[in-house]
Amino acid sequence: MSIDPTGNPVRAISAARNLYAGVLLLFKYKVAVAAGSPEKAALLIYKTKGFQARINGEGSVDAVLQQENRTVDVRDLQDLFKALRISTDWGIVASLQTCRNDLEHLHAQHPMEDINRFLIALFPLLKDFMINEMGANPYELLGSTWEEMLLNHEFHTKTLAEARAKWRVLGVLEHTMELFQSCLCRACGSALLEPNRDDVASKLRFDDSEFRCSCMACGQSDSFTERLAEELRYAKEDPFDDTALIIECENCWHPTFDLTQGICHLCTYEQVPLKCSDCGTYLTDHTSLCDRCEEADHQMRLYEEEVRSRRGEG
């Protein structure tokens, strides 16, 4: 399971294919074991394309099941697992499939980091499945491959913990850290974002708009507060709705104030947000109506004035 250290994208795609195929093969093996016999296992594992009926020498009808050379896919396995009461985390399986597809079709610029994310997601899935569903020690089934996966997972977990500790040393609040943990590098998708070392050395405050977070995997640097604001907008706002739910904070002046919670996710300044008295939309200024309701109110006043004017003329 060694991966080319040069980050060759062809090798990365091949590795992702093999890892994903290996997971499905393990699932099929479990189904075959649960079937109880080779004959029943074949019926469950191979796709069926129909059956053939024929009259035998005794005049009765024989039905022969026709099976394809292809084995069952993910959707079939989900149905089989449900029927056989076998458990796994299908959400992780879906994320593995997405990662493999991204590598194969989107020409990833950082294939090694994508493979690393694949392995990090794969580790708990395999561990839980082998122990809970197969009753086996992962090392007994995977040998040295399991040792490599374990080292990779432990290294990533340790590095991630160190990166987050650096933010806490700078004074980043726990509330902010909870949100920032979901931020990923915009270039390679890694979660290994640490305070930019040059900015730390120059004594720049973390809440300065110029302070950067840097990816430990690919070196990409971005404004810390901007990444935080982007993550907030992604989590809170509807991309198909113009309504702003993340606005500038009146205390720290960063675009990290959450109208839905009445709190700034950077400095934790709290304020009860104002709402439109007509429709309940959050207001970004100290008025009683939102722009839409104010315009509707204005048009209604013009209409009423016109009606009164016509009545006067009559």
Protein backbone atom coordinates (compact mmCIF):
# COMPACT_ATOMS: atom_id res chain seq x y z
CA MET A 1 0.00 0.00 0.00
CA SER A 2 2.95 2.32 -0.41
CA ILE A 3 2.25 5.50 -2.35
CA ASP A 4 4.69 7.23 -4.71
CA PRO A 5 6.23 10.08 -2.63
CA THR A 6 6.48 12.29 -5.70
CA GLY A 7 2.70 12.66 -5.71
CA ASN A 8 2.27 11.19 -9.20
CA PRO A 9 -1.43 11.77 -10.06
CA VAL A 10 -1.63 8.52 -12.05
CA ARG A 11 -0.41 6.56 -9.01
CA ALA A 12 -2.82 8.50 -6.79
CA ILE A 13 -5.79 7.61 -8.98
CA SER A 14 -4.71 3.97 -9.05
CA ALA A 15 -4.33 3.94 -5.26
CA ALA A 16 -7.79 5.44 -4.76
CA ARG A 17 -9.34 2.87 -7.09
CA ASN A 18 -7.61 0.00 -5.31
CA LEU A 19 -8.51 1.25 -1.83
CA TYR A 20 -12.18 1.77 -2.70
CA ALA A 21 -12.38 -1.59 -4.52
CA GLY A 22 -10.78 -3.22 -1.49
CA VAL A 23 -13.49 -1.87 0.81
CA LEU A 24 -16.24 -3.24 -1.44
CA LEU A 25 -14.43 -6.58 -1.69
CA LEU A 26 -14.31 -6.79 2.09
CA PHE A 27 -18.07 -6.09 2.23
CA LYS A 28 -18.76 -8.81 -0.35
CA TYR A 29 -16.61 -11.26 1.60
CA LYS A 30 -18.70 -10.60 4.70
CA VAL A 31 -21.91 -11.23 2.73
CA ALA A 32 -20.45 -14.47 1.32
CA VAL A 33 -19.51 -15.67 4.80
CA ALA A 34 -22.97 -14.77 6.14
CA ALA A 35 -24.60 -16.75 3.31
CA GLY A 36 -23.42 -20.03 4.86
CA SER A 37 -22.52 -21.93 1.68
CA PRO A 38 -20.69 -21.25 -1.62
CA GLU A 39 -23.92 -21.76 -3.58
CA LYS A 40 -25.89 -19.22 -1.54
CA ALA A 41 -22.92 -16.84 -1.55
CA ALA A 42 -22.83 -16.90 -5.37
CA LEU A 43 -26.55 -16.12 -5.50
CA LEU A 44 -26.05 -13.09 -3.28
CA ILE A 45 -22.79 -11.75 -4.68
CA TYR A 46 -23.39 -12.00 -8.44
CA LYS A 47 -25.97 -9.90 -10.24
CA THR A 48 -28.93 -11.75 -11.72
CA LYS A 49 -30.09 -11.03 -15.28
CA GLY A 50 -33.08 -13.37 -15.32
CA PHE A 51 -33.91 -17.05 -15.49
CA GLN A 52 -34.35 -19.72 -18.11
CA ALA A 53 -37.28 -22.18 -18.01
CA ARG A 54 -37.21 -25.61 -19.66
CA ILE A 55 -39.20 -28.86 -19.56
CA ASN A 56 -37.19 -31.79 -18.29
CA GLY A 57 -37.46 -35.45 -19.28
CA GLU A 58 -40.17 -36.06 -16.71
CA GLY A 59 -42.38 -33.36 -18.21
CA SER A 60 -42.02 -30.91 -15.33
CA VAL A 61 -40.55 -27.40 -15.55
CA ASP A 62 -37.04 -26.52 -14.36
CA ALA A 63 -36.15 -22.87 -13.75
CA VAL A 64 -32.45 -22.04 -14.05
CA LEU A 65 -31.29 -18.70 -12.62
CA GLN A 66 -29.02 -16.82 -15.02
CA GLN A 67 -26.29 -14.76 -13.37
CA GLU A 68 -23.96 -12.17 -14.81
CA ASN A 69 -20.20 -12.06 -14.47
CA ARG A 70 -20.56 -8.75 -12.59
CA THR A 71 -20.86 -8.68 -8.81
CA VAL A 72 -23.22 -6.49 -6.81
CA ASP A 73 -22.64 -2.73 -6.52
CA VAL A 74 -22.86 -0.34 -3.56
CA ARG A 75 -26.65 0.00 -3.74
CA ASP A 76 -27.05 -3.78 -3.79
CA LEU A 77 -24.69 -4.11 -0.84
CA GLN A 78 -26.75 -1.61 1.15
CA ASP A 79 -29.85 -3.76 0.61
CA LEU A 80 -27.95 -6.95 1.47
CA PHE A 81 -26.49 -5.43 4.65
CA LYS A 82 -29.94 -4.35 5.77
CA ALA A 83 -31.40 -7.79 5.11
CA LEU A 84 -28.52 -9.61 6.80
CA ARG A 85 -28.29 -7.10 9.68
CA ILE A 86 -24.72 -6.11 8.87
CA SER A 87 -23.77 -2.58 9.93
CA THR A 88 -21.34 -0.02 8.51
CA ASP A 89 -21.19 3.75 8.03
CA TRP A 90 -22.53 4.31 4.51
CA GLY A 91 -21.90 8.05 4.86
CA ILE A 92 -18.15 7.36 5.01
CA VAL A 93 -18.44 4.96 2.07
CA ALA A 94 -20.11 7.75 0.07
CA SER A 95 -17.31 10.18 0.99
CA LEU A 96 -14.72 7.61 -0.13
CA GLN A 97 -16.53 7.22 -3.43
CA THR A 98 -16.62 11.01 -3.89
CA CYS A 99 -12.90 11.28 -3.13
CA ARG A 100 -12.12 8.56 -5.67
CA ASN A 101 -14.31 10.22 -8.30
CA ASP A 102 -12.73 13.63 -7.67
CA LEU A 103 -9.25 12.19 -8.17
CA GLU A 104 -10.31 10.37 -11.32
CA HIS A 105 -12.34 13.10 -13.03
CA LEU A 106 -11.28 16.49 -11.64
CA HIS A 107 -7.50 16.19 -12.14
CA ALA A 108 -6.55 16.96 -8.55
CA GLN A 109 -3.59 19.32 -8.12
CA HIS A 110 -2.62 17.76 -4.78
CA PRO A 111 -3.20 14.01 -5.20
CA MET A 112 -1.16 13.04 -2.14
CA GLU A 113 -3.33 15.13 0.18
CA ASP A 114 -6.47 13.69 -1.42
CA ILE A 115 -5.17 10.17 -0.79
CA ASN A 116 -4.36 11.17 2.78
CA ARG A 117 -7.95 12.37 3.30
CA PHE A 118 -9.11 9.07 1.81
CA LEU A 119 -7.02 7.11 4.30
CA ILE A 120 -8.15 9.20 7.27
CA ALA A 121 -11.80 8.48 6.43
CA LEU A 122 -11.07 4.82 5.65
CA PHE A 123 -9.26 4.04 8.92
CA PRO A 124 -12.23 4.13 11.37
CA LEU A 125 -14.52 2.43 8.85
CA LEU A 126 -12.22 -0.58 8.45
CA LYS A 127 -11.39 -0.77 12.15
CA ASP A 128 -15.04 -0.80 13.25
CA PHE A 129 -16.18 -3.18 10.50
CA MET A 130 -13.46 -5.75 11.10
CA ILE A 131 -13.86 -5.73 14.87
CA ASN A 132 -17.66 -5.44 15.14
CA GLU A 133 -18.87 -7.35 12.07
CA MET A 134 -16.07 -9.80 11.34
CA GLY A 135 -14.87 -10.40 14.89
CA ALA A 136 -11.25 -10.09 13.81
CA ASN A 137 -8.23 -7.99 14.68
CA PRO A 138 -7.49 -5.66 11.71
CA TYR A 139 -3.82 -6.64 11.82
CA GLU A 140 -4.74 -10.32 11.35
CA LEU A 141 -6.51 -9.47 8.09
CA LEU A 142 -4.35 -6.67 6.70
CA GLY A 143 -0.91 -7.34 8.19
CA SER A 144 1.70 -4.69 7.39
CA THR A 145 -0.86 -2.66 5.44
CA TRP A 146 -2.72 -2.02 8.68
CA GLU A 147 0.52 -0.85 10.31
CA GLU A 148 1.03 1.74 7.54
CA MET A 149 -2.56 2.95 7.85
CA LEU A 150 -2.20 3.21 11.61
CA LEU A 151 0.99 5.26 11.34
CA ASN A 152 -0.63 7.56 8.76
CA HIS A 153 -3.71 8.09 10.91
CA GLU A 154 -1.72 8.70 14.07
CA PHE A 155 0.58 11.18 12.31
CA HIS A 156 -2.35 13.13 10.86
CA THR A 157 -4.21 13.18 14.20
CA LYS A 158 -1.08 14.36 16.05
CA THR A 159 -0.32 17.06 13.46
CA LEU A 160 -3.92 18.29 13.49
CA ALA A 161 -3.89 18.52 17.30
CA GLU A 162 -0.63 20.48 17.20
CA ALA A 163 -2.02 22.93 14.63
CA ARG A 164 -5.13 23.60 16.73
CA ALA A 165 -3.03 24.04 19.86
CA LYS A 166 -1.12 26.82 18.09
CA TRP A 167 -4.37 28.72 17.52
CA ARG A 168 -5.33 28.42 21.18
CA VAL A 169 -1.94 29.80 22.24
CA LEU A 170 -2.69 32.91 20.18
CA GLY A 171 -5.92 33.42 22.13
CA VAL A 172 -8.45 32.13 19.61
CA LEU A 173 -11.60 31.39 21.58
CA GLU A 174 -12.96 27.85 21.87
CA HIS A 175 -16.21 29.01 20.26
CA THR A 176 -14.24 30.17 17.22
CA MET A 177 -12.12 27.02 17.15
CA GLU A 178 -15.23 24.82 16.94
CA LEU A 179 -16.21 26.62 13.75
CA PHE A 180 -12.70 26.79 12.32
CA GLN A 181 -12.30 23.01 12.67
CA SER A 182 -14.58 22.57 9.67
CA CYS A 183 -12.46 24.92 7.51
CA LEU A 184 -10.40 23.23 4.80
CA CYS A 185 -7.59 24.49 2.60
CA ARG A 186 -9.13 26.06 -0.51
CA ALA A 187 -6.29 24.62 -2.64
CA CYS A 188 -5.99 20.98 -1.54
CA GLY A 189 -8.85 20.36 0.92
CA SER A 190 -6.62 19.58 3.91
CA ALA A 191 -7.78 20.35 7.46
CA LEU A 192 -4.17 20.98 8.55
CA LEU A 193 -4.40 24.79 8.82
CA GLU A 194 -1.96 26.44 11.22
CA PRO A 195 -1.22 30.12 12.07
CA ASN A 196 1.12 31.61 9.49
CA ARG A 197 4.57 31.53 11.06
CA ASP A 198 5.70 34.88 9.62
CA ASP A 199 2.58 36.60 10.97
CA VAL A 200 3.12 35.03 14.39
CA ALA A 201 6.77 36.12 14.40
CA SER A 202 5.77 39.70 13.51
CA LYS A 203 3.36 39.77 16.50
CA LEU A 204 0.34 40.32 14.27
CA ARG A 205 -2.94 39.70 16.11
CA PHE A 206 -4.96 36.73 14.90
CA ASP A 207 -8.05 38.94 14.54
CA ASP A 208 -6.22 41.32 12.21
CA SER A 209 -7.61 41.02 8.68
CA GLU A 210 -4.04 40.54 7.40
CA PHE A 211 -3.32 37.56 9.67
CA ARG A 212 -3.10 34.38 7.63
CA CYS A 213 -3.71 30.68 8.11
CA SER A 214 -1.34 28.39 6.22
CA CYS A 215 -1.88 24.85 4.98
CA MET A 216 0.69 22.41 6.33
CA ALA A 217 0.04 20.07 3.39
CA CYS A 218 0.49 22.37 0.36
CA GLY A 219 1.60 25.76 1.73
CA GLN A 220 -1.45 27.75 0.60
CA SER A 221 -2.04 30.87 2.75
CA ASP A 222 -5.28 32.83 3.19
CA SER A 223 -6.66 35.44 5.55
CA PHE A 224 -7.82 33.73 8.75
CA THR A 225 -10.84 36.00 9.25
CA GLU A 226 -11.86 35.72 5.59
CA ARG A 227 -11.75 31.91 5.73
CA LEU A 228 -13.80 32.02 8.91
CA ALA A 229 -16.36 34.33 7.28
CA GLU A 230 -16.54 32.10 4.18
CA GLU A 231 -17.16 29.04 6.30
CA LEU A 232 -19.92 30.87 8.15
CA ARG A 233 -21.65 31.97 4.96
CA TYR A 234 -21.36 28.46 3.55
CA ALA A 235 -22.89 26.96 6.70
CA LYS A 236 -25.62 29.53 7.30
CA GLU A 237 -26.67 31.19 4.05
CA ASP A 238 -28.71 29.85 1.15
CA PRO A 239 -26.76 30.36 -2.12
CA PHE A 240 -30.07 30.79 -3.96
CA ASP A 241 -31.31 33.49 -1.58
CA ASP A 242 -29.99 37.06 -1.40
CA THR A 243 -30.77 37.34 2.32
CA ALA A 244 -27.58 38.10 4.28
CA LEU A 245 -27.33 36.20 7.56
CA ILE A 246 -23.63 36.85 8.21
CA ILE A 247 -22.84 40.54 8.56
CA GLU A 248 -20.17 42.87 9.94
CA CYS A 249 -19.82 42.80 13.71
CA GLU A 250 -20.33 46.13 15.46
CA ASN A 251 -17.63 45.23 17.97
CA CYS A 252 -14.68 43.80 15.99
CA TRP A 253 -15.76 44.99 12.50
CA HIS A 254 -15.21 41.60 10.88
CA PRO A 255 -17.94 39.94 8.74
CA THR A 256 -18.49 37.19 11.31
CA PHE A 257 -21.67 38.27 13.11
CA ASP A 258 -24.35 35.58 12.86
CA LEU A 259 -27.87 37.01 12.74
CA THR A 260 -29.42 33.59 13.31
CA GLN A 261 -27.69 33.27 16.70
CA GLY A 262 -27.10 36.91 17.57
CA ILE A 263 -23.38 36.36 18.15
CA CYS A 264 -20.05 37.13 16.51
CA HIS A 265 -18.12 33.92 15.93
CA LEU A 266 -14.79 35.73 16.18
CA CYS A 267 -15.07 37.98 19.25
CA THR A 268 -18.31 36.46 20.73
CA TYR A 269 -20.01 39.89 20.88
CA GLU A 270 -23.74 39.30 21.43
CA GLN A 271 -26.73 41.35 20.37
CA VAL A 272 -30.37 40.52 19.79
CA PRO A 273 -30.79 40.95 16.00
CA LEU A 274 -33.56 43.16 14.70
CA LYS A 275 -36.27 41.69 12.51
CA CYS A 276 -38.65 43.21 9.99
CA SER A 277 -41.94 43.96 11.72
CA ASP A 278 -43.88 42.70 8.70
CA CYS A 279 -42.14 39.56 7.40
CA GLY A 280 -39.65 38.72 10.14
CA THR A 281 -36.57 38.95 7.91
CA TYR A 282 -33.34 39.82 9.75
CA LEU A 283 -32.38 43.48 9.42
CA THR A 284 -28.83 44.71 8.86
CA ASP A 285 -29.56 48.30 9.92
CA HIS A 286 -31.66 50.02 12.59
CA THR A 287 -34.97 50.22 10.73
CA SER A 288 -38.33 48.60 11.33
CA LEU A 289 -38.87 47.19 7.83
CA CYS A 290 -36.70 45.30 5.37
CA ASP A 291 -36.12 46.82 1.91
CA ARG A 292 -38.76 44.62 0.29
CA CYS A 293 -41.48 45.41 2.83
CA GLU A 294 -40.52 49.08 2.88
CA GLU A 295 -40.89 49.24 -0.90
CA ALA A 296 -44.22 47.41 -0.70
CA ASP A 297 -45.36 49.84 2.02
CA HIS A 298 -44.28 52.79 -0.12
CA GLN A 299 -46.18 51.50 -3.15
CA MET A 300 -49.27 50.93 -1.00
CA ARG A 301 -49.16 54.55 0.26
CA LEU A 302 -48.87 55.83 -3.31
CA TYR A 303 -51.83 53.70 -4.33
CA GLU A 304 -53.96 54.94 -1.41
CA GLU A 305 -53.09 58.55 -2.19
CA GLU A 306 -54.10 58.02 -5.81
CA VAL A 307 -57.42 56.48 -4.75
CA ARG A 308 -58.15 59.38 -2.41
CA SER A 309 -57.23 61.84 -5.12
CA ARG A 310 -59.63 60.24 -7.60
CA ARG A 311 -62.42 60.24 -5.05
CA GLY A 312 -61.82 63.96 -4.47
CA GLU A 313 -62.05 64.62 -8.16
CA GLY A 314 -65.31 62.72 -8.32
